[in-house]
C-alpha atoms as a PDB file:
ATOM      1  CA  GLY A   1       4.361 216.579  82.322  1.00  0.00           C
ATOM      2  CA  ALA A   2       7.467 216.291  80.608  1.00  0.00           C
ATOM      3  CA  ALA A   3       9.468 218.178  83.002  1.00  0.00           C
ATOM      4  CA  GLY A   4       8.171 216.199  85.910  1.00  0.00           C
ATOM      5  CA  GLU A   5       4.879 218.625  86.837  1.00  0.00           C
ATOM      6  CA  PHE A   6       2.635 216.532  89.539  1.00  0.00           C
ATOM      7  CA  SER A   7       5.171 213.960  90.159  1.00  0.00           C
ATOM      8  CA  GLU A   8       3.935 211.885  86.518  1.00  0.00           C
ATOM      9  CA  ASN A   9       7.596 211.886  84.020  1.00  0.00           C
ATOM     10  CA  HIS A  10      11.090 210.508  85.955  1.00  0.00           C
ATOM     11  CA  PHE A  11      14.237 211.120  84.126  1.00  0.00           C
ATOM     12  CA  ILE A  12      18.058 210.700  85.128  1.00  0.00           C
ATOM     13  CA  VAL A  13      19.844 214.190  84.267  1.00  0.00           C
ATOM     14  CA  GLY A  14      21.356 214.974  87.996  1.00  0.00           C
ATOM     15  CA  GLN A  15      22.033 212.940  91.374  1.00  0.00           C
ATOM     16  CA  ALA A  16      18.187 214.960  92.158  1.00  0.00           C
ATOM     17  CA  THR A  17      16.265 213.305  89.696  1.00  0.00           C
ATOM     18  CA  SER A  18      18.606 209.522  89.666  1.00  0.00           C
ATOM     19  CA  GLU A  19      17.693 209.546  93.240  1.00  0.00           C
ATOM     20  CA  ASP A  20      13.939 210.101  92.043  1.00  0.00           C
ATOM     21  CA  VAL A  21      14.395 207.489  89.549  1.00  0.00           C
ATOM     22  CA  ARG A  22      15.241 204.928  91.976  1.00  0.00           C
ATOM     23  CA  ASN A  23      12.506 205.401  94.654  1.00  0.00           C
ATOM     24  CA  ARG A  24      10.230 205.235  91.598  1.00  0.00           C
ATOM     25  CA  VAL A  25      11.661 201.808  90.373  1.00  0.00           C
ATOM     26  CA  LEU A  26      11.762 200.412  93.861  1.00  0.00           C
ATOM     27  CA  GLN A  27       7.948 201.411  94.135  1.00  0.00           C
ATOM     28  CA  LEU A  28       7.537 199.708  91.207  1.00  0.00           C
ATOM     29  CA  ILE A  29       8.804 196.850  92.694  1.00  0.00           C
ATOM     30  CA  ARG A  30       6.654 196.894  95.675  1.00  0.00           C
ATOM     31  CA  ASP A  31       3.481 197.631  92.844  1.00  0.00           C
ATOM     32  CA  PRO A  32       4.186 196.638  89.407  1.00  0.00           C
ATOM     33  CA  GLY A  33       2.581 198.050  86.516  1.00  0.00           C
ATOM     34  CA  PRO A  34       2.652 199.058  82.723  1.00  0.00           C
ATOM     35  CA  ILE A  35       5.869 201.356  81.918  1.00  0.00           C
ATOM     36  CA  VAL A  36       6.520 203.664  79.229  1.00  0.00           C
ATOM     37  CA  VAL A  37       9.998 204.230  78.735  1.00  0.00           C
ATOM     38  CA  GLY A  38      11.512 206.806  75.750  1.00  0.00           C
ATOM     39  CA  VAL A  39      12.309 210.075  74.362  1.00  0.00           C
ATOM     40  CA  ILE A  40      10.215 212.858  73.938  1.00  0.00           C
ATOM     41  CA  GLN A  41      10.667 215.110  70.844  1.00  0.00           C
ATOM     42  CA  GLY A  42      13.796 217.583  71.204  1.00  0.00           C
ATOM     43  CA  ALA A  43      15.260 215.987  73.820  1.00  0.00           C
ATOM     44  CA  GLY A  44      19.078 215.455  73.053  1.00  0.00           C
ATOM     45  CA  TYR A  45      20.409 213.059  75.522  1.00  0.00           C
ATOM     46  CA  ILE A  46      18.817 210.122  73.920  1.00  0.00           C
ATOM     47  CA  SER A  47      21.048 206.535  74.340  1.00  0.00           C
ATOM     48  CA  ALA A  48      20.667 206.867  77.657  1.00  0.00           C
ATOM     49  CA  MET A  49      17.126 205.989  78.181  1.00  0.00           C
ATOM     50  CA  TYR A  50      17.883 202.684  75.924  1.00  0.00           C
ATOM     51  CA  GLU A  51      20.293 202.310  79.582  1.00  0.00           C
ATOM     52  CA  LEU A  52      17.495 202.774  81.375  1.00  0.00           C
ATOM     53  CA  VAL A  53      14.664 200.575  79.260  1.00  0.00           C
ATOM     54  CA  LEU A  54      17.229 197.658  78.941  1.00  0.00           C
ATOM     55  CA  GLY A  55      18.214 198.084  82.467  1.00  0.00           C
ATOM     56  CA  LEU A  56      14.423 198.169  84.205  1.00  0.00           C
ATOM     57  CA  ASP A  57      13.436 195.027  81.987  1.00  0.00           C
ATOM     58  CA  SER A  58      16.489 192.708  83.505  1.00  0.00           C
ATOM     59  CA  MET A  59      15.988 194.177  87.220  1.00  0.00           C
ATOM     60  CA  LEU A  60      12.163 193.048  86.753  1.00  0.00           C
ATOM     61  CA  ARG A  61      13.108 189.813  85.991  1.00  0.00           C
ATOM     62  CA  ARG A  62      15.340 189.403  88.757  1.00  0.00           C
ATOM     63  CA  GLU A  63      12.503 190.296  90.704  1.00  0.00           C
ATOM     64  CA  ARG A  64      10.297 188.126  89.030  1.00  0.00           C
ATOM     65  CA  VAL A  65       7.445 190.608  88.584  1.00  0.00           C
ATOM     66  CA  ARG A  66       8.149 191.626  85.037  1.00  0.00           C
ATOM     67  CA  GLU A  67       5.112 189.287  83.893  1.00  0.00           C
ATOM     68  CA  GLN A  68       3.012 192.396  85.617  1.00  0.00           C
ATOM     69  CA  ALA A  69       4.841 195.206  84.511  1.00  0.00           C
ATOM     70  CA  SER A  70       4.590 195.781  80.563  1.00  0.00           C
ATOM     71  CA  ILE A  71       7.160 198.047  79.410  1.00  0.00           C
ATOM     72  CA  THR A  72       6.526 200.050  75.865  1.00  0.00           C
ATOM     73  CA  PHE A  73       9.210 202.741  74.737  1.00  0.00           C
ATOM     74  CA  VAL A  74       8.339 205.506  72.665  1.00  0.00           C
ATOM     75  CA  THR A  75      10.614 208.100  70.462  1.00  0.00           C
ATOM     76  CA  SER A  76      10.359 210.858  67.941  1.00  0.00           C
ATOM     77  CA  GLU A  77      13.229 208.947  66.442  1.00  0.00           C
ATOM     78  CA  PRO A  78      12.196 207.764  62.822  1.00  0.00           C
ATOM     79  CA  TYR A  79      13.367 204.097  64.167  1.00  0.00           C
ATOM     80  CA  LEU A  80      15.105 202.326  67.383  1.00  0.00           C
ATOM     81  CA  GLY A  81      18.686 203.606  67.106  1.00  0.00           C
ATOM     82  CA  HIS A  82      18.823 206.657  65.504  1.00  0.00           C
ATOM     83  CA  LEU A  83      20.270 208.945  68.539  1.00  0.00           C
ATOM     84  CA  GLY A  84      18.755 212.393  66.867  1.00  0.00           C
ATOM     85  CA  PHE A  85      22.216 211.957  64.164  1.00  0.00           C
ATOM     86  CA  GLY A  86      21.265 209.189  61.781  1.00  0.00           C
ATOM     87  CA  GLN A  87      23.138 206.102  63.547  1.00  0.00           C
ATOM     88  CA  THR A  88      21.989 203.454  61.107  1.00  0.00           C
ATOM     89  CA  ALA A  89      23.947 200.160  62.844  1.00  0.00           C
ATOM     90  CA  ALA A  90      22.072 200.116  65.789  1.00  0.00           C
ATOM     91  CA  GLN A  91      18.894 199.324  64.547  1.00  0.00           C
ATOM     92  CA  SER A  92      18.443 195.869  64.051  1.00  0.00           C
ATOM     93  CA  ARG A  93      20.487 195.137  67.515  1.00  0.00           C
ATOM     94  CA  PHE A  94      17.672 197.156  69.668  1.00  0.00           C
ATOM     95  CA  GLU A  95      14.734 195.784  67.639  1.00  0.00           C
ATOM     96  CA  ARG A  96      15.969 192.257  67.640  1.00  0.00           C
ATOM     97  CA  GLN A  97      16.651 193.150  72.061  1.00  0.00           C
ATOM     98  CA  PHE A  98      13.092 194.054  72.086  1.00  0.00           C
ATOM     99  CA  LEU A  99      11.633 191.852  70.501  1.00  0.00           C
ATOM    100  CA  GLU A 100      13.351 188.805  72.898  1.00  0.00           C
ATOM    101  CA  ARG A 101      12.652 191.078  76.068  1.00  0.00           C
ATOM    102  CA  GLY A 102       8.866 191.811  75.050  1.00  0.00           C
ATOM    103  CA  ILE A 103       9.113 195.194  74.943  1.00  0.00           C
ATOM    104  CA  GLU A 104       6.880 196.987  72.926  1.00  0.00           C
ATOM    105  CA  TYR A 105       8.051 200.404  70.935  1.00  0.00           C
ATOM    106  CA  ARG A 106       6.267 203.162  68.952  1.00  0.00           C
ATOM    107  CA  THR A 107       8.690 205.510  66.827  1.00  0.00           C
ATOM    108  CA  GLY A 108       8.661 208.767  65.104  1.00  0.00           C
ATOM    109  CA  VAL A 109       5.839 209.955  67.312  1.00  0.00           C
ATOM    110  CA  ASP A 110       5.468 212.775  69.669  1.00  0.00           C
ATOM    111  CA  VAL A 111       3.960 213.091  73.480  1.00  0.00           C
ATOM    112  CA  LYS A 112       1.195 215.789  73.790  1.00  0.00           C
ATOM    113  CA  ARG A 113       0.798 214.737  77.243  1.00  0.00           C
ATOM    114  CA  VAL A 114       1.925 212.496  80.445  1.00  0.00           C
ATOM    115  CA  ALA A 115      -0.974 212.362  82.208  1.00  0.00           C
ATOM    116  CA  ARG A 116      -1.717 210.314  85.601  1.00  0.00           C
ATOM    117  CA  GLY A 117      -1.639 206.636  84.467  1.00  0.00           C
ATOM    118  CA  GLU A 118      -1.660 207.221  80.945  1.00  0.00           C
ATOM    119  CA  VAL A 119       1.257 208.845  77.880  1.00  0.00           C
ATOM    120  CA  VAL A 120      -1.063 210.727  75.658  1.00  0.00           C
ATOM    121  CA  LEU A 121       0.085 210.891  71.833  1.00  0.00           C
ATOM    122  CA  ASP A 122       0.069 212.763  69.038  1.00  0.00           C
ATOM    123  CA  GLY A 123      -1.801 210.820  67.624  1.00  0.00           C
ATOM    124  CA  GLY A 124      -4.803 210.400  70.320  1.00  0.00           C
ATOM    125  CA  GLU A 125      -3.205 207.250  71.354  1.00  0.00           C
ATOM    126  CA  ALA A 126      -3.130 206.631  75.199  1.00  0.00           C
ATOM    127  CA  VAL A 127      -0.262 204.412  76.492  1.00  0.00           C
ATOM    128  CA  PRO A 128      -1.576 202.913  80.070  1.00  0.00           C
ATOM    129  CA  ALA A 129       1.649 204.179  82.284  1.00  0.00           C
ATOM    130  CA  THR A 130       2.095 203.287  86.120  1.00  0.00           C
ATOM    131  CA  ALA A 131       5.190 205.001  85.980  1.00  0.00           C
ATOM    132  CA  SER A 132       6.468 206.915  83.057  1.00  0.00           C
ATOM    133  CA  PHE A 133      10.409 207.587  82.594  1.00  0.00           C
ATOM    134  CA  LEU A 134      10.429 210.146  79.685  1.00  0.00           C
ATOM    135  CA  MET A 135      13.763 212.342  78.415  1.00  0.00           C
ATOM    136  CA  PRO A 136      12.660 215.944  78.268  1.00  0.00           C
ATOM    137  CA  PRO A 137      14.196 218.413  75.787  1.00  0.00           C
ATOM    138  CA  PHE A 138      16.772 220.621  77.623  1.00  0.00           C
ATOM    139  CA  THR A 139      15.602 224.140  77.269  1.00  0.00           C
ATOM    140  CA  GLY A 140      19.009 225.870  78.178  1.00  0.00           C
ATOM    141  CA  ASP A 141      19.947 227.843  80.680  1.00  0.00           C
ATOM    142  CA  VAL A 142      16.990 230.626  82.835  1.00  0.00           C
ATOM    143  CA  ASP A 143      19.957 233.075  82.904  1.00  0.00           C
ATOM    144  CA  LEU A 144      20.651 232.931  79.254  1.00  0.00           C
ATOM    145  CA  TRP A 145      17.056 233.440  78.563  1.00  0.00           C
ATOM    146  CA  LYS A 146      17.233 236.665  80.566  1.00  0.00           C
ATOM    147  CA  SER A 147      19.474 238.323  77.404  1.00  0.00           C
ATOM    148  CA  GLN A 148      17.677 239.547  75.116  1.00  0.00           C
ATOM    149  CA  GLY A 149      18.209 237.897  71.465  1.00  0.00           C
ATOM    150  CA  LEU A 150      21.073 235.558  73.165  1.00  0.00           C
ATOM    151  CA  THR A 151      18.901 232.292  72.717  1.00  0.00           C
ATOM    152  CA  ASP A 152      16.771 231.129  70.183  1.00  0.00           C
ATOM    153  CA  GLU A 153      13.037 230.132  70.412  1.00  0.00           C
ATOM    154  CA  SER A 154      14.157 226.881  72.444  1.00  0.00           C
ATOM    155  CA  GLY A 155      16.440 228.324  74.765  1.00  0.00           C
ATOM    156  CA  MET A 156      19.674 227.408  72.681  1.00  0.00           C
ATOM    157  CA  VAL A 157      21.859 229.986  71.758  1.00  0.00           C
ATOM    158  CA  PRO A 158      22.189 229.983  67.796  1.00  0.00           C
ATOM    159  CA  ILE A 159      25.639 229.733  66.291  1.00  0.00           C
ATOM    160  CA  ASP A 160      27.394 229.702  62.946  1.00  0.00           C
ATOM    161  CA  ALA A 161      30.067 226.842  61.683  1.00  0.00           C
ATOM    162  CA  ARG A 162      32.646 228.895  63.909  1.00  0.00           C
ATOM    163  CA  TYR A 163      31.086 228.990  66.933  1.00  0.00           C
ATOM    164  CA  LYS A 164      30.242 232.258  66.894  1.00  0.00           C
ATOM    165  CA  HIS A 165      26.597 234.033  67.790  1.00  0.00           C
ATOM    166  CA  VAL A 166      24.253 234.349  64.138  1.00  0.00           C
ATOM    167  CA  THR A 167      23.861 237.907  65.267  1.00  0.00           C
ATOM    168  CA  ALA A 168      26.716 239.011  67.872  1.00  0.00           C
ATOM    169  CA  ASP A 169      30.017 238.895  66.938  1.00  0.00           C
ATOM    170  CA  SER A 170      31.440 238.853  70.191  1.00  0.00           C
ATOM    171  CA  ILE A 171      29.819 236.049  71.390  1.00  0.00           C
ATOM    172  CA  TYR A 172      30.627 232.170  70.946  1.00  0.00           C
ATOM    173  CA  ALA A 173      28.767 229.162  72.622  1.00  0.00           C
ATOM    174  CA  ALA A 174      29.805 225.295  72.252  1.00  0.00           C
ATOM    175  CA  GLY A 175      28.459 222.471  73.624  1.00  0.00           C
ATOM    176  CA  VAL A 176      25.075 221.266  74.710  1.00  0.00           C
ATOM    177  CA  ALA A 177      24.040 224.717  75.036  1.00  0.00           C
ATOM    178  CA  ALA A 178      24.654 225.649  71.604  1.00  0.00           C
ATOM    179  CA  ARG A 179      22.611 225.223  68.423  1.00  0.00           C
ATOM    180  CA  PHE A 180      24.000 224.942  64.779  1.00  0.00           C
ATOM    181  CA  ALA A 181      21.415 227.815  63.112  1.00  0.00           C
ATOM    182  CA  ARG A 182      22.670 226.033  59.340  1.00  0.00           C
ATOM    183  CA  PRO A 183      23.591 222.646  58.591  1.00  0.00           C
ATOM    184  CA  VAL A 184      27.445 221.601  59.368  1.00  0.00           C
ATOM    185  CA  PRO A 185      28.808 218.758  57.239  1.00  0.00           C
ATOM    186  CA  ARG A 186      28.342 215.368  58.526  1.00  0.00           C
ATOM    187  CA  LEU A 187      25.045 216.235  60.341  1.00  0.00           C
ATOM    188  CA  GLN A 188      23.022 217.034  57.400  1.00  0.00           C
ATOM    189  CA  GLY A 189      21.029 219.801  59.201  1.00  0.00           C
ATOM    190  CA  MET A 190      20.647 217.290  62.286  1.00  0.00           C
ATOM    191  CA  GLU A 191      21.969 217.985  65.564  1.00  0.00           C
ATOM    192  CA  PRO A 192      24.940 216.458  67.281  1.00  0.00           C
ATOM    193  CA  PRO A 193      24.747 213.918  69.879  1.00  0.00           C
ATOM    194  CA  GLN A 194      25.074 215.483  73.611  1.00  0.00           C
ATOM    195  CA  THR A 195      28.289 213.792  74.741  1.00  0.00           C
ATOM    196  CA  GLY A 196      31.002 215.218  76.949  1.00  0.00           C
ATOM    197  CA  TYR A 197      33.475 213.925  74.337  1.00  0.00           C
ATOM    198  CA  LEU A 198      32.239 216.012  71.565  1.00  0.00           C
ATOM    199  CA  SER A 199      31.151 218.978  73.688  1.00  0.00           C
ATOM    200  CA  ILE A 200      35.184 219.615  74.761  1.00  0.00           C
ATOM    201  CA  GLN A 201      36.007 218.879  70.928  1.00  0.00           C
ATOM    202  CA  MET A 202      33.336 221.939  69.916  1.00  0.00           C
ATOM    203  CA  GLY A 203      34.818 224.100  72.931  1.00  0.00           C
ATOM    204  CA  LYS A 204      38.199 223.571  71.982  1.00  0.00           C
ATOM    205  CA  ARG A 205      37.458 224.832  68.205  1.00  0.00           C
ATOM    206  CA  ALA A 206      35.955 227.534  69.460  1.00  0.00           C
ATOM    207  CA  ALA A 207      38.358 228.568  71.636  1.00  0.00           C
ATOM    208  CA  GLN A 208      40.921 228.015  68.834  1.00  0.00           C
ATOM    209  CA  ASN A 209      38.238 230.484  66.598  1.00  0.00           C
ATOM    210  CA  VAL A 210      38.276 233.279  69.150  1.00  0.00           C
ATOM    211  CA  ALA A 211      42.169 233.263  69.462  1.00  0.00           C
ATOM    212  CA  SER A 212      42.569 233.236  65.810  1.00  0.00           C
ATOM    213  CA  LEU A 213      39.803 236.310  66.081  1.00  0.00           C
ATOM    214  CA  LEU A 214      42.384 238.032  68.538  1.00  0.00           C
ATOM    215  CA  ALA A 215      45.240 237.030  66.313  1.00  0.00           C
ATOM    216  CA  CYS A 216      46.626 234.420  68.215  1.00  0.00           C
ATOM    217  CA  GLY A 217      47.067 231.808  65.657  1.00  0.00           C
ATOM    218  CA  ALA A 218      44.694 229.967  63.149  1.00  0.00           C
ATOM    219  CA  PRO A 219      41.256 228.821  62.872  1.00  0.00           C
ATOM    220  CA  ALA A 220      40.099 225.278  63.318  1.00  0.00           C
ATOM    221  CA  HIS A 221      39.689 224.114  60.211  1.00  0.00           C
ATOM    222  CA  GLN A 222      36.911 222.217  60.586  1.00  0.00           C
ATOM    223  CA  THR A 223      33.428 222.308  62.697  1.00  0.00           C
ATOM    224  CA  LEU A 224      33.541 219.139  64.248  1.00  0.00           C
ATOM    225  CA  PRO A 225      35.868 216.477  64.753  1.00  0.00           C
ATOM    226  CA  TRP A 226      36.677 213.845  62.312  1.00  0.00           C
ATOM    227  CA  LEU A 227      35.717 210.976  65.378  1.00  0.00           C
ATOM    228  CA  LEU A 228      32.082 212.029  66.407  1.00  0.00           C
ATOM    229  CA  ASP A 229      30.877 210.198  68.563  1.00  0.00           C
ATOM    230  CA  VAL A 230      31.625 206.856  70.678  1.00  0.00           C
ATOM    231  CA  ARG A 231      29.333 205.553  73.472  1.00  0.00           C
ATOM    232  CA  ILE A 232      28.649 202.282  75.421  1.00  0.00           C
ATOM    233  CA  ILE A 233      24.937 201.308  75.769  1.00  0.00           C
ATOM    234  CA  GLU A 234      25.870 199.032  79.351  1.00  0.00           C
ATOM    235  CA  THR A 235      22.923 196.419  80.142  1.00  0.00           C
ATOM    236  CA  ALA A 236      23.532 193.699  82.666  1.00  0.00           C
ATOM    237  CA  GLU A 237      23.108 190.823  79.864  1.00  0.00           C
ATOM    238  CA  SER A 238      24.385 192.319  76.667  1.00  0.00           C
ATOM    239  CA  GLY A 239      26.051 195.838  75.917  1.00  0.00           C
ATOM    240  CA  LEU A 240      26.666 197.380  72.429  1.00  0.00           C
ATOM    241  CA  LEU A 241      29.574 199.878  71.772  1.00  0.00           C
ATOM    242  CA  LEU A 242      28.273 202.602  69.260  1.00  0.00           C
ATOM    243  CA  ALA A 243      30.387 204.799  67.235  1.00  0.00           C
ATOM    244  CA  SER A 244      29.642 206.947  64.423  1.00  0.00           C
ATOM    245  CA  TYR A 245      33.034 208.462  62.466  1.00  0.00           C
ATOM    246  CA  GLY A 246      33.836 209.766  59.449  1.00  0.00           C
ATOM    247  CA  SER A 247      35.779 213.214  57.241  1.00  0.00           C
ATOM    248  CA  HIS A 248      33.387 214.130  55.100  1.00  0.00           C
ATOM    249  CA  GLN A 249      30.110 211.052  55.731  1.00  0.00           C
ATOM    250  CA  LEU A 250      29.421 209.049  58.500  1.00  0.00           C
ATOM    251  CA  THR A 251      30.477 205.722  58.870  1.00  0.00           C
ATOM    252  CA  HIS A 252      28.083 203.522  61.477  1.00  0.00           C
ATOM    253  CA  ARG A 253      29.492 200.456  63.527  1.00  0.00           C
ATOM    254  CA  ALA A 254      27.478 199.164  66.414  1.00  0.00           C
ATOM    255  CA  ILE A 255      29.351 196.035  68.267  1.00  0.00           C
ATOM    256  CA  SER A 256      28.168 194.017  70.704  1.00  0.00           C
ATOM    257  CA  LEU A 257      29.911 193.556  74.262  1.00  0.00           C
ATOM    258  CA  PRO A 258      29.299 190.732  76.540  1.00  0.00           C
ATOM    259  CA  GLY A 259      27.675 192.543  79.945  1.00  0.00           C
ATOM    260  CA  ALA A 260      30.068 192.157  82.064  1.00  0.00           C
ATOM    261  CA  LEU A 261      32.535 193.641  79.330  1.00  0.00           C
ATOM    262  CA  SER A 262      30.402 196.826  78.674  1.00  0.00           C
ATOM    263  CA  THR A 263      30.020 197.390  82.003  1.00  0.00           C
ATOM    264  CA  ARG A 264      33.592 197.383  82.655  1.00  0.00           C
ATOM    265  CA  LEU A 265      34.409 199.282  79.429  1.00  0.00           C
ATOM    266  CA  LYS A 266      31.733 202.100  80.917  1.00  0.00           C
ATOM    267  CA  ILE A 267      33.509 202.497  84.267  1.00  0.00           C
ATOM    268  CA  ALA A 268      37.060 202.637  82.850  1.00  0.00           C
ATOM    269  CA  SER A 269      35.826 205.393  79.983  1.00  0.00           C
ATOM    270  CA  GLU A 270      33.954 207.323  83.158  1.00  0.00           C
ATOM    271  CA  ARG A 271      36.756 207.419  85.416  1.00  0.00           C
ATOM    272  CA  TYR A 272      38.868 208.746  82.295  1.00  0.00           C
ATOM    273  CA  VAL A 273      37.149 211.318  81.392  1.00  0.00           C
ATOM    274  CA  THR A 274      36.319 212.807  85.050  1.00  0.00           C
ATOM    275  CA  ARG A 275      40.035 212.553  85.649  1.00  0.00           C
ATOM    276  CA  ARG A 276      41.236 213.862  82.347  1.00  0.00           C
ATOM    277  CA  LEU A 277      38.250 216.998  83.154  1.00  0.00           C
ATOM    278  CA  HIS A 278      39.979 217.310  87.069  1.00  0.00           C
ATOM    279  CA  SER A 279      43.368 217.556  86.133  1.00  0.00           C
ATOM    280  CA  GLY A 280      41.742 220.442  83.523  1.00  0.00           C
ATOM    281  CA  LYS A 281      44.016 218.230  80.245  1.00  0.00           C
ATOM    282  CA  VAL A 282      41.505 217.993  78.206  1.00  0.00           C
ATOM    283  CA  SER A 283      43.709 217.265  74.833  1.00  0.00           C
ATOM    284  CA  PHE A 284      41.417 214.584  73.394  1.00  0.00           C
ATOM    285  CA  VAL A 285      42.232 212.893  70.216  1.00  0.00           C
END
């Protein structure tokens, strides 16, 4: 049920799924009930679900139906705010917000089944769910699966530290479709966060390595950029600016933002990135 079979799970990965989530939220306002929000094991775009659960809480309170709609957050992360790559500064911030808002949570759990009226966890616990909003894992592109030996068992393209396919010398991959077959510095075996910024940086380094293979310059001197990840968690009341960076070992920061400021910063960053991509200029620092 994770991929939305039988319309039991809802998630945001594009316009169609966003409209589906919107319609389900409007139904919840008219007919509230228990809600489960979270991240299914293997999912990469995790921070969106934190925004969604906090946004749902705020909306239900505005509509004065929050007391009729309990919210439970479930995630395969070992703790809140881990985000799949060991972010540590956000944990206490999310724990405090969840406590203040009355959002229950389960960490370090796998989802076994998304069924009608409940989400069944791997340990056997069935969490009641009138509506489920769970981010499923990205499983690659179907057309890539058709090329024998190109993808691994998860549907991703396995690459080495230079973004080259682990067995095919002429194939390079970067971004969300790629997966490091062996640990790279600063991630300690974890997958990099799935963000547009990092995908662009990975693509630049892959292109530089391809050019080097064609005797056009030197290869990239590092696999990942020094600045690994910056993101804004937008909420109506109080947002968060999260940053993870470092040359050898990651340093994590979490800065509280007023709700209005987090919204303005989110809009500004999205417009900036969209304009850069539209112009073809992707020379981010």
